[in-house]
Amino acid sequence: MSNMSDRLSNAANSTIGGAKQAIGETIGNPNLAASGAAQKTQADTAQAAAQAKTHAEGLGDQIKGRAQQVVGSATGDRELQTKGHANEFEGDIERIV
């Protein structure tokens, strides 16, 4: 599963878990409330890990892009400079999302 799919799945599971917890508390069903709370906590933890992974990948792409730009500029390789700009931009986007 891709990191974006993981993040979407985690968000859905967090919402579902929170709803189960609220319904369980409302109707007086402690098992449902506990099950929902556990599902939400697990999803929130997985979501934090997925976000950290995306952030780290973005930082890596930014560093790679900057290095390609410097080397391309030093050697006069315009294609490498262009790749560097693209990789840096990709890293920016990954860190924002």
Protein backbone atom coordinates (compact mmCIF):
# COMPACT_ATOMS: atom_id res chain seq x y z
CA MET A 1 0.00 0.00 0.00
CA SER A 2 1.40 3.43 -0.86
CA ASN A 3 2.05 5.98 1.83
CA MET A 4 -0.85 8.14 0.59
CA SER A 5 -3.20 5.13 0.70
CA ASP A 6 -1.98 4.39 4.22
CA ARG A 7 -2.69 7.96 5.27
CA LEU A 8 -6.21 7.86 3.81
CA SER A 9 -6.91 4.51 5.46
CA ASN A 10 -5.59 5.78 8.78
CA ALA A 11 -7.78 8.88 8.62
CA ALA A 12 -10.85 6.77 7.87
CA ASN A 13 -10.07 4.32 10.69
CA SER A 14 -9.55 7.18 13.12
CA THR A 15 -12.93 8.67 12.22
CA ILE A 16 -14.69 5.30 12.43
CA GLY A 17 -13.01 4.51 15.75
CA GLY A 18 -14.02 7.88 17.17
CA ALA A 19 -17.60 7.35 16.04
CA LYS A 20 -17.72 3.87 17.59
CA GLN A 21 -16.36 5.26 20.83
CA ALA A 22 -18.93 8.08 20.92
CA ILE A 23 -21.81 5.73 20.09
CA GLY A 24 -20.65 3.23 22.71
CA GLU A 25 -20.47 5.95 25.36
CA THR A 26 -23.87 7.34 24.32
CA ILE A 27 -25.71 4.03 24.47
CA GLY A 28 -23.84 2.76 27.49
CA ASN A 29 -21.92 0.01 25.72
CA PRO A 30 -18.41 0.01 27.24
CA ASN A 31 -17.14 -2.73 24.91
CA LEU A 32 -18.05 -0.71 21.82
CA ALA A 33 -16.57 2.46 23.35
CA ALA A 34 -13.31 0.68 24.21
CA SER A 35 -13.10 -0.96 20.80
CA GLY A 36 -13.63 2.41 19.12
CA ALA A 37 -11.05 4.12 21.32
CA ALA A 38 -8.48 1.42 20.54
CA GLN A 39 -9.18 1.66 16.80
CA LYS A 40 -8.83 5.44 16.88
CA THR A 41 -5.59 5.33 18.88
CA GLN A 42 -4.06 2.73 16.57
CA ALA A 43 -5.04 4.74 13.48
CA ASP A 44 -3.74 8.00 14.94
CA THR A 45 -0.39 6.37 15.78
CA ALA A 46 -0.10 4.88 12.29
CA GLN A 47 -1.02 8.26 10.79
CA ALA A 48 1.76 10.01 12.71
CA ALA A 49 4.26 7.42 11.46
CA ALA A 50 3.07 7.81 7.85
CA GLN A 51 3.35 11.59 8.08
CA ALA A 52 6.88 11.33 9.47
CA LYS A 53 7.84 9.00 6.61
CA THR A 54 6.45 11.41 4.01
CA HIS A 55 8.27 14.33 5.65
CA ALA A 56 11.57 12.41 5.66
CA GLU A 57 11.16 11.40 2.00
CA GLY A 58 10.45 15.02 1.11
CA LEU A 59 13.54 16.21 2.93
CA GLY A 60 15.61 13.61 1.08
CA ASP A 61 14.25 14.78 -2.28
CA GLN A 62 14.99 18.40 -1.39
CA ILE A 63 18.60 17.59 -0.48
CA LYS A 64 19.04 15.48 -3.61
CA GLY A 65 17.59 18.26 -5.74
CA ARG A 66 19.83 20.92 -4.25
CA ALA A 67 22.90 18.73 -4.77
CA GLN A 68 21.94 18.11 -8.41
CA GLN A 69 21.50 21.84 -8.94
CA VAL A 70 24.93 22.63 -7.50
CA VAL A 71 26.69 19.91 -9.49
CA GLY A 72 24.81 20.82 -12.64
CA SER A 73 25.70 24.47 -12.22
CA ALA A 74 29.37 23.69 -11.53
CA THR A 75 29.66 21.41 -14.56
CA GLY A 76 27.41 23.41 -16.90
CA ASP A 77 24.96 20.49 -17.11
CA ARG A 78 21.59 22.22 -17.61
CA GLU A 79 19.72 18.90 -17.66
CA LEU A 80 21.05 17.99 -14.22
CA GLN A 81 20.16 21.44 -12.93
CA THR A 82 16.61 20.99 -14.23
CA LYS A 83 16.34 17.57 -12.58
CA GLY A 84 17.56 19.18 -9.39
CA HIS A 85 14.85 21.83 -9.49
CA ALA A 86 12.22 19.15 -10.12
CA ASN A 87 13.45 16.97 -7.23
CA GLU A 88 13.59 19.93 -4.87
CA PHE A 89 10.04 20.91 -5.84
CA GLU A 90 8.86 17.33 -5.33
CA GLY A 91 10.42 17.37 -1.88
CA ASP A 92 8.66 20.65 -1.07
CA ILE A 93 5.32 19.15 -2.03
CA GLU A 94 5.92 15.95 -0.04
CA ARG A 95 6.72 17.95 3.07
CA ILE A 96 3.57 20.07 2.70
CA VAL A 97 1.10 17.23 2.06
